[in-house]
Amino acid sequence: MALATYISSGVRASELLGMACGDVGFGRPTITVVGKGSRERQTVPISPDAVVWIRLSRSSRVTGRAGRNRVLSATA
C-alpha cells in the first residue's frame, strides 16, 4: 500500500508517513499531505491502483482505533 502510494504520488516519505485515513480521497484518487517547511496542505493525485491497495489494507486490518485521524500504516 505505502509503496504504490509513494511511487504514484511523488510525495516525500515523511509526508506519506504522516498521512491519516482522512487524508485519502477515495472518490477522487488523491491524498492530502502537509508539505515540508511551509506546513501547507496540498492535494496530490495518486493512481487508482494505489487507492485499491489502501482500501484493501484498511479492510484487512482489525484494530480498536477507527476514524479519520488514524495514521495509515507504513508497512501495510
PDB file of N, CA and C in Angstrom:
ATOM      1  N   MET A   1       0.813  -1.170   0.000  1.00  0.00           N
ATOM      2  CA  MET A   1       0.000   0.000   0.000  1.00  0.00           C
ATOM      3  C   MET A   1       0.869   1.250   0.000  1.00  0.00           C
ATOM      4  N   ALA A   2       1.792   1.331   0.904  1.00  0.00           N
ATOM      5  CA  ALA A   2       2.628   2.530   1.003  1.00  0.00           C
ATOM      6  C   ALA A   2       3.499   2.705  -0.226  1.00  0.00           C
ATOM      7  N   LEU A   3       4.032   1.634  -0.744  1.00  0.00           N
ATOM      8  CA  LEU A   3       4.907   1.723  -1.911  1.00  0.00           C
ATOM      9  C   LEU A   3       4.125   2.190  -3.134  1.00  0.00           C
ATOM     10  N   ALA A   4       2.941   1.644  -3.358  1.00  0.00           N
ATOM     11  CA  ALA A   4       2.126   2.054  -4.504  1.00  0.00           C
ATOM     12  C   ALA A   4       1.756   3.531  -4.401  1.00  0.00           C
ATOM     13  N   THR A   5       1.422   3.985  -3.210  1.00  0.00           N
ATOM     14  CA  THR A   5       1.064   5.386  -2.997  1.00  0.00           C
ATOM     15  C   THR A   5       2.283   6.283  -3.176  1.00  0.00           C
ATOM     16  N   TYR A   6       3.411   5.852  -2.643  1.00  0.00           N
ATOM     17  CA  TYR A   6       4.658   6.619  -2.736  1.00  0.00           C
ATOM     18  C   TYR A   6       5.088   6.803  -4.192  1.00  0.00           C
ATOM     19  N   ILE A   7       5.057   5.724  -4.952  1.00  0.00           N
ATOM     20  CA  ILE A   7       5.503   5.774  -6.343  1.00  0.00           C
ATOM     21  C   ILE A   7       4.552   6.613  -7.194  1.00  0.00           C
ATOM     22  N   SER A   8       3.253   6.430  -7.007  1.00  0.00           N
ATOM     23  CA  SER A   8       2.302   7.116  -7.881  1.00  0.00           C
ATOM     24  C   SER A   8       2.137   8.599  -7.545  1.00  0.00           C
ATOM     25  N   SER A   9       2.447   8.988  -6.316  1.00  0.00           N
ATOM     26  CA  SER A   9       2.221  10.381  -5.924  1.00  0.00           C
ATOM     27  C   SER A   9       3.457  11.257  -6.041  1.00  0.00           C
ATOM     28  N   GLY A  10       4.621  10.708  -5.788  1.00  0.00           N
ATOM     29  CA  GLY A  10       5.842  11.501  -5.808  1.00  0.00           C
ATOM     30  C   GLY A  10       6.050  12.338  -4.562  1.00  0.00           C
ATOM     31  N   VAL A  11       5.295  12.081  -3.497  1.00  0.00           N
ATOM     32  CA  VAL A  11       5.465  12.844  -2.261  1.00  0.00           C
ATOM     33  C   VAL A  11       6.689  12.347  -1.504  1.00  0.00           C
ATOM     34  N   ARG A  12       7.170  13.157  -0.573  1.00  0.00           N
ATOM     35  CA  ARG A  12       8.294  12.752   0.273  1.00  0.00           C
ATOM     36  C   ARG A  12       7.839  11.645   1.219  1.00  0.00           C
ATOM     37  N   ALA A  13       8.776  10.824   1.630  1.00  0.00           N
ATOM     38  CA  ALA A  13       8.471   9.718   2.547  1.00  0.00           C
ATOM     39  C   ALA A  13       7.873  10.249   3.846  1.00  0.00           C
ATOM     40  N   SER A  14       8.409  11.347   4.362  1.00  0.00           N
ATOM     41  CA  SER A  14       7.895  11.900   5.616  1.00  0.00           C
ATOM     42  C   SER A  14       6.455  12.387   5.458  1.00  0.00           C
ATOM     43  N   GLU A  15       6.116  12.923   4.279  1.00  0.00           N
ATOM     44  CA  GLU A  15       4.741  13.354   4.032  1.00  0.00           C
ATOM     45  C   GLU A  15       3.804  12.154   3.988  1.00  0.00           C
ATOM     46  N   LEU A  16       4.252  11.090   3.364  1.00  0.00           N
ATOM     47  CA  LEU A  16       3.446   9.876   3.258  1.00  0.00           C
ATOM     48  C   LEU A  16       3.244   9.232   4.624  1.00  0.00           C
ATOM     49  N   LEU A  17       4.295   9.194   5.424  1.00  0.00           N
ATOM     50  CA  LEU A  17       4.200   8.556   6.735  1.00  0.00           C
ATOM     51  C   LEU A  17       3.341   9.354   7.708  1.00  0.00           C
ATOM     52  N   GLY A  18       3.164  10.627   7.454  1.00  0.00           N
ATOM     53  CA  GLY A  18       2.341  11.458   8.320  1.00  0.00           C
ATOM     54  C   GLY A  18       0.876  11.500   7.929  1.00  0.00           C
ATOM     55  N   MET A  19       0.511  10.777   6.880  1.00  0.00           N
ATOM     56  CA  MET A  19      -0.880  10.777   6.423  1.00  0.00           C
ATOM     57  C   MET A  19      -1.796  10.034   7.377  1.00  0.00           C
ATOM     58  N   ALA A  20      -3.020  10.498   7.462  1.00  0.00           N
ATOM     59  CA  ALA A  20      -4.069   9.807   8.222  1.00  0.00           C
ATOM     60  C   ALA A  20      -5.114   9.300   7.235  1.00  0.00           C
ATOM     61  N   CYS A  21      -5.982   8.432   7.697  1.00  0.00           N
ATOM     62  CA  CYS A  21      -7.011   7.856   6.834  1.00  0.00           C
ATOM     63  C   CYS A  21      -7.897   8.926   6.202  1.00  0.00           C
ATOM     64  N   GLY A  22      -8.148   9.987   6.917  1.00  0.00           N
ATOM     65  CA  GLY A  22      -8.976  11.064   6.391  1.00  0.00           C
ATOM     66  C   GLY A  22      -8.311  11.863   5.294  1.00  0.00           C
ATOM     67  N   ASP A  23      -7.023  11.628   5.053  1.00  0.00           N
ATOM     68  CA  ASP A  23      -6.294  12.350   4.023  1.00  0.00           C
ATOM     69  C   ASP A  23      -6.399  11.694   2.652  1.00  0.00           C
ATOM     70  N   VAL A  24      -7.084  10.573   2.566  1.00  0.00           N
ATOM     71  CA  VAL A  24      -7.231   9.860   1.302  1.00  0.00           C
ATOM     72  C   VAL A  24      -8.570  10.230   0.687  1.00  0.00           C
ATOM     73  N   GLY A  25      -8.533  10.676  -0.565  1.00  0.00           N
ATOM     74  CA  GLY A  25      -9.766  10.975  -1.293  1.00  0.00           C
ATOM     75  C   GLY A  25     -10.159   9.763  -2.109  1.00  0.00           C
ATOM     76  N   PHE A  26     -11.098   8.983  -1.599  1.00  0.00           N
ATOM     77  CA  PHE A  26     -11.477   7.759  -2.289  1.00  0.00           C
ATOM     78  C   PHE A  26     -12.339   8.040  -3.524  1.00  0.00           C
ATOM     79  N   GLY A  27     -13.148   9.088  -3.499  1.00  0.00           N
ATOM     80  CA  GLY A  27     -13.975   9.435  -4.655  1.00  0.00           C
ATOM     81  C   GLY A  27     -13.140   9.927  -5.817  1.00  0.00           C
ATOM     82  N   ARG A  28     -12.146  10.719  -5.501  1.00  0.00           N
ATOM     83  CA  ARG A  28     -11.170  11.191  -6.478  1.00  0.00           C
ATOM     84  C   ARG A  28      -9.834  10.637  -6.003  1.00  0.00           C
ATOM     85  N   PRO A  29      -9.075   9.990  -6.859  1.00  0.00           N
ATOM     86  CA  PRO A  29      -7.819   9.382  -6.392  1.00  0.00           C
ATOM     87  C   PRO A  29      -6.776  10.437  -6.008  1.00  0.00           C
ATOM     88  N   THR A  30      -6.893  10.943  -4.781  1.00  0.00           N
ATOM     89  CA  THR A  30      -5.967  11.965  -4.287  1.00  0.00           C
ATOM     90  C   THR A  30      -5.626  11.685  -2.830  1.00  0.00           C
ATOM     91  N   ILE A  31      -4.537  12.297  -2.393  1.00  0.00           N
ATOM     92  CA  ILE A  31      -4.180  12.308  -0.986  1.00  0.00           C
ATOM     93  C   ILE A  31      -3.875  13.758  -0.610  1.00  0.00           C
ATOM     94  N   THR A  32      -4.081  14.085   0.636  1.00  0.00           N
ATOM     95  CA  THR A  32      -3.758  15.417   1.132  1.00  0.00           C
ATOM     96  C   THR A  32      -2.582  15.272   2.085  1.00  0.00           C
ATOM     97  N   VAL A  33      -1.508  16.006   1.795  1.00  0.00           N
ATOM     98  CA  VAL A  33      -0.296  15.912   2.607  1.00  0.00           C
ATOM     99  C   VAL A  33       0.100  17.290   3.106  1.00  0.00           C
ATOM    100  N   VAL A  34       0.872  17.304   4.170  1.00  0.00           N
ATOM    101  CA  VAL A  34       1.432  18.545   4.701  1.00  0.00           C
ATOM    102  C   VAL A  34       2.833  18.663   4.130  1.00  0.00           C
ATOM    103  N   GLY A  35       3.070  19.742   3.381  1.00  0.00           N
ATOM    104  CA  GLY A  35       4.349  19.931   2.724  1.00  0.00           C
ATOM    105  C   GLY A  35       5.466  20.290   3.678  1.00  0.00           C
ATOM    106  N   LYS A  36       6.672  20.080   3.222  1.00  0.00           N
ATOM    107  CA  LYS A  36       7.857  20.370   4.024  1.00  0.00           C
ATOM    108  C   LYS A  36       8.041  21.886   4.161  1.00  0.00           C
ATOM    109  N   GLY A  37       8.477  22.294   5.312  1.00  0.00           N
ATOM    110  CA  GLY A  37       8.791  23.705   5.530  1.00  0.00           C
ATOM    111  C   GLY A  37       7.565  24.548   5.813  1.00  0.00           C
ATOM    112  N   SER A  38       6.790  24.831   4.789  1.00  0.00           N
ATOM    113  CA  SER A  38       5.657  25.740   4.949  1.00  0.00           C
ATOM    114  C   SER A  38       4.493  25.110   5.707  1.00  0.00           C
ATOM    115  N   ARG A  39       4.482  23.818   5.818  1.00  0.00           N
ATOM    116  CA  ARG A  39       3.427  23.086   6.512  1.00  0.00           C
ATOM    117  C   ARG A  39       2.057  23.336   5.871  1.00  0.00           C
ATOM    118  N   GLU A  40       2.057  23.738   4.612  1.00  0.00           N
ATOM    119  CA  GLU A  40       0.818  23.974   3.884  1.00  0.00           C
ATOM    120  C   GLU A  40       0.288  22.651   3.337  1.00  0.00           C
ATOM    121  N   ARG A  41      -1.019  22.433   3.460  1.00  0.00           N
ATOM    122  CA  ARG A  41      -1.620  21.197   2.980  1.00  0.00           C
ATOM    123  C   ARG A  41      -1.758  21.246   1.462  1.00  0.00           C
ATOM    124  N   GLN A  42      -1.432  20.133   0.819  1.00  0.00           N
ATOM    125  CA  GLN A  42      -1.517  20.034  -0.634  1.00  0.00           C
ATOM    126  C   GLN A  42      -2.287  18.773  -0.997  1.00  0.00           C
ATOM    127  N   THR A  43      -3.111  18.871  -2.027  1.00  0.00           N
ATOM    128  CA  THR A  43      -3.802  17.703  -2.551  1.00  0.00           C
ATOM    129  C   THR A  43      -3.012  17.197  -3.739  1.00  0.00           C
ATOM    130  N   VAL A  44      -2.655  15.909  -3.686  1.00  0.00           N
ATOM    131  CA  VAL A  44      -1.790  15.310  -4.693  1.00  0.00           C
ATOM    132  C   VAL A  44      -2.514  14.124  -5.332  1.00  0.00           C
ATOM    133  N   PRO A  45      -2.507  14.029  -6.663  1.00  0.00           N
ATOM    134  CA  PRO A  45      -3.157  12.874  -7.296  1.00  0.00           C
ATOM    135  C   PRO A  45      -2.348  11.593  -7.080  1.00  0.00           C
ATOM    136  N   ILE A  46      -3.057  10.474  -6.967  1.00  0.00           N
ATOM    137  CA  ILE A  46      -2.423   9.157  -6.883  1.00  0.00           C
ATOM    138  C   ILE A  46      -3.102   8.250  -7.900  1.00  0.00           C
ATOM    139  N   SER A  47      -2.497   7.120  -8.173  1.00  0.00           N
ATOM    140  CA  SER A  47      -3.067   6.198  -9.154  1.00  0.00           C
ATOM    141  C   SER A  47      -4.279   5.479  -8.572  1.00  0.00           C
ATOM    142  N   PRO A  48      -5.219   5.086  -9.417  1.00  0.00           N
ATOM    143  CA  PRO A  48      -6.353   4.293  -8.949  1.00  0.00           C
ATOM    144  C   PRO A  48      -5.908   2.985  -8.287  1.00  0.00           C
ATOM    145  N   ASP A  49      -4.795   2.416  -8.742  1.00  0.00           N
ATOM    146  CA  ASP A  49      -4.272   1.196  -8.113  1.00  0.00           C
ATOM    147  C   ASP A  49      -3.879   1.446  -6.660  1.00  0.00           C
ATOM    148  N   ALA A  50      -3.304   2.601  -6.390  1.00  0.00           N
ATOM    149  CA  ALA A  50      -2.927   2.927  -5.013  1.00  0.00           C
ATOM    150  C   ALA A  50      -4.160   3.020  -4.126  1.00  0.00           C
ATOM    151  N   VAL A  51      -5.251   3.571  -4.661  1.00  0.00           N
ATOM    152  CA  VAL A  51      -6.492   3.654  -3.890  1.00  0.00           C
ATOM    153  C   VAL A  51      -6.999   2.254  -3.564  1.00  0.00           C
ATOM    154  N   VAL A  52      -6.908   1.348  -4.534  1.00  0.00           N
ATOM    155  CA  VAL A  52      -7.334  -0.044  -4.301  1.00  0.00           C
ATOM    156  C   VAL A  52      -6.509  -0.663  -3.189  1.00  0.00           C
ATOM    157  N   TRP A  53      -5.192  -0.466  -3.212  1.00  0.00           N
ATOM    158  CA  TRP A  53      -4.319  -1.024  -2.174  1.00  0.00           C
ATOM    159  C   TRP A  53      -4.632  -0.432  -0.799  1.00  0.00           C
ATOM    160  N   ILE A  54      -4.935   0.851  -0.755  1.00  0.00           N
ATOM    161  CA  ILE A  54      -5.286   1.485   0.519  1.00  0.00           C
ATOM    162  C   ILE A  54      -6.584   0.886   1.055  1.00  0.00           C
ATOM    163  N   ARG A  55      -7.570   0.726   0.182  1.00  0.00           N
ATOM    164  CA  ARG A  55      -8.847   0.120   0.602  1.00  0.00           C
ATOM    165  C   ARG A  55      -8.631  -1.298   1.118  1.00  0.00           C
ATOM    166  N   LEU A  56      -7.823  -2.081   0.401  1.00  0.00           N
ATOM    167  CA  LEU A  56      -7.559  -3.459   0.819  1.00  0.00           C
ATOM    168  C   LEU A  56      -6.859  -3.507   2.171  1.00  0.00           C
ATOM    169  N   SER A  57      -5.887  -2.636   2.376  1.00  0.00           N
ATOM    170  CA  SER A  57      -5.148  -2.664   3.643  1.00  0.00           C
ATOM    171  C   SER A  57      -6.039  -2.215   4.799  1.00  0.00           C
ATOM    172  N   ARG A  58      -6.939  -1.266   4.547  1.00  0.00           N
ATOM    173  CA  ARG A  58      -7.855  -0.804   5.602  1.00  0.00           C
ATOM    174  C   ARG A  58      -8.874  -1.875   5.950  1.00  0.00           C
ATOM    175  N   SER A  59      -9.367  -2.600   4.952  1.00  0.00           N
ATOM    176  CA  SER A  59     -10.399  -3.595   5.217  1.00  0.00           C
ATOM    177  C   SER A  59      -9.831  -4.861   5.848  1.00  0.00           C
ATOM    178  N   SER A  60      -8.552  -5.133   5.655  1.00  0.00           N
ATOM    179  CA  SER A  60      -7.955  -6.355   6.193  1.00  0.00           C
ATOM    180  C   SER A  60      -7.465  -6.179   7.627  1.00  0.00           C
ATOM    181  N   ARG A  61      -7.383  -4.924   8.105  1.00  0.00           N
ATOM    182  CA  ARG A  61      -6.896  -4.658   9.459  1.00  0.00           C
ATOM    183  C   ARG A  61      -8.006  -4.712  10.482  1.00  0.00           C
ATOM    184  N   VAL A  62      -7.738  -5.333  11.587  1.00  0.00           N
ATOM    185  CA  VAL A  62      -8.685  -5.327  12.699  1.00  0.00           C
ATOM    186  C   VAL A  62      -7.999  -4.580  13.830  1.00  0.00           C
ATOM    187  N   THR A  63      -8.570  -3.437  14.194  1.00  0.00           N
ATOM    188  CA  THR A  63      -7.960  -2.626  15.234  1.00  0.00           C
ATOM    189  C   THR A  63      -9.041  -1.898  16.009  1.00  0.00           C
ATOM    190  N   GLY A  64      -8.747  -1.544  17.211  1.00  0.00           N
ATOM    191  CA  GLY A  64      -9.708  -0.823  18.029  1.00  0.00           C
ATOM    192  C   GLY A  64      -9.767   0.651  17.705  1.00  0.00           C
ATOM    193  N   ARG A  65      -8.757   1.164  17.025  1.00  0.00           N
ATOM    194  CA  ARG A  65      -8.718   2.582  16.676  1.00  0.00           C
ATOM    195  C   ARG A  65      -9.378   2.764  15.324  1.00  0.00           C
ATOM    196  N   ALA A  66     -10.346   3.627  15.256  1.00  0.00           N
ATOM    197  CA  ALA A  66     -11.033   3.877  13.989  1.00  0.00           C
ATOM    198  C   ALA A  66     -11.182   5.373  13.789  1.00  0.00           C
ATOM    199  N   GLY A  67     -11.532   5.746  12.589  1.00  0.00           N
ATOM    200  CA  GLY A  67     -11.827   7.144  12.326  1.00  0.00           C
ATOM    201  C   GLY A  67     -10.864   7.787  11.351  1.00  0.00           C
ATOM    202  N   ARG A  68     -11.138   9.050  11.085  1.00  0.00           N
ATOM    203  CA  ARG A  68     -10.381   9.798  10.089  1.00  0.00           C
ATOM    204  C   ARG A  68      -8.957  10.108  10.533  1.00  0.00           C
ATOM    205  N   ASN A  69      -8.690  10.121  11.838  1.00  0.00           N
ATOM    206  CA  ASN A  69      -7.387  10.540  12.324  1.00  0.00           C
ATOM    207  C   ASN A  69      -6.400   9.400  12.503  1.00  0.00           C
ATOM    208  N   ARG A  70      -6.835   8.176  12.273  1.00  0.00           N
ATOM    209  CA  ARG A  70      -5.925   7.031  12.422  1.00  0.00           C
ATOM    210  C   ARG A  70      -4.840   7.138  11.345  1.00  0.00           C
ATOM    211  N   VAL A  71      -3.615   6.972  11.735  1.00  0.00           N
ATOM    212  CA  VAL A  71      -2.482   7.075  10.813  1.00  0.00           C
ATOM    213  C   VAL A  71      -2.432   5.827   9.956  1.00  0.00           C
ATOM    214  N   LEU A  72      -2.208   6.026   8.664  1.00  0.00           N
ATOM    215  CA  LEU A  72      -2.063   4.891   7.761  1.00  0.00           C
ATOM    216  C   LEU A  72      -0.768   4.162   8.090  1.00  0.00           C
ATOM    217  N   SER A  73      -0.786   2.870   7.982  1.00  0.00           N
ATOM    218  CA  SER A  73       0.390   2.067   8.309  1.00  0.00           C
ATOM    219  C   SER A  73       1.436   2.160   7.212  1.00  0.00           C
ATOM    220  N   ALA A  74       2.677   2.322   7.593  1.00  0.00           N
ATOM    221  CA  ALA A  74       3.766   2.382   6.625  1.00  0.00           C
ATOM    222  C   ALA A  74       4.141   0.994   6.132  1.00  0.00           C
ATOM    223  N   THR A  75       3.741  -0.034   6.846  1.00  0.00           N
ATOM    224  CA  THR A  75       4.133  -1.386   6.467  1.00  0.00           C
ATOM    225  C   THR A  75       3.037  -2.148   5.765  1.00  0.00           C
ATOM    226  N   ALA A  76       1.826  -1.607   5.743  1.00  0.00           N
ATOM    227  CA  ALA A  76       0.706  -2.324   5.125  1.00  0.00           C
ATOM    228  C   ALA A  76       0.742  -2.188   3.629  1.00  0.00           C
TER     229      ALA A  76
END
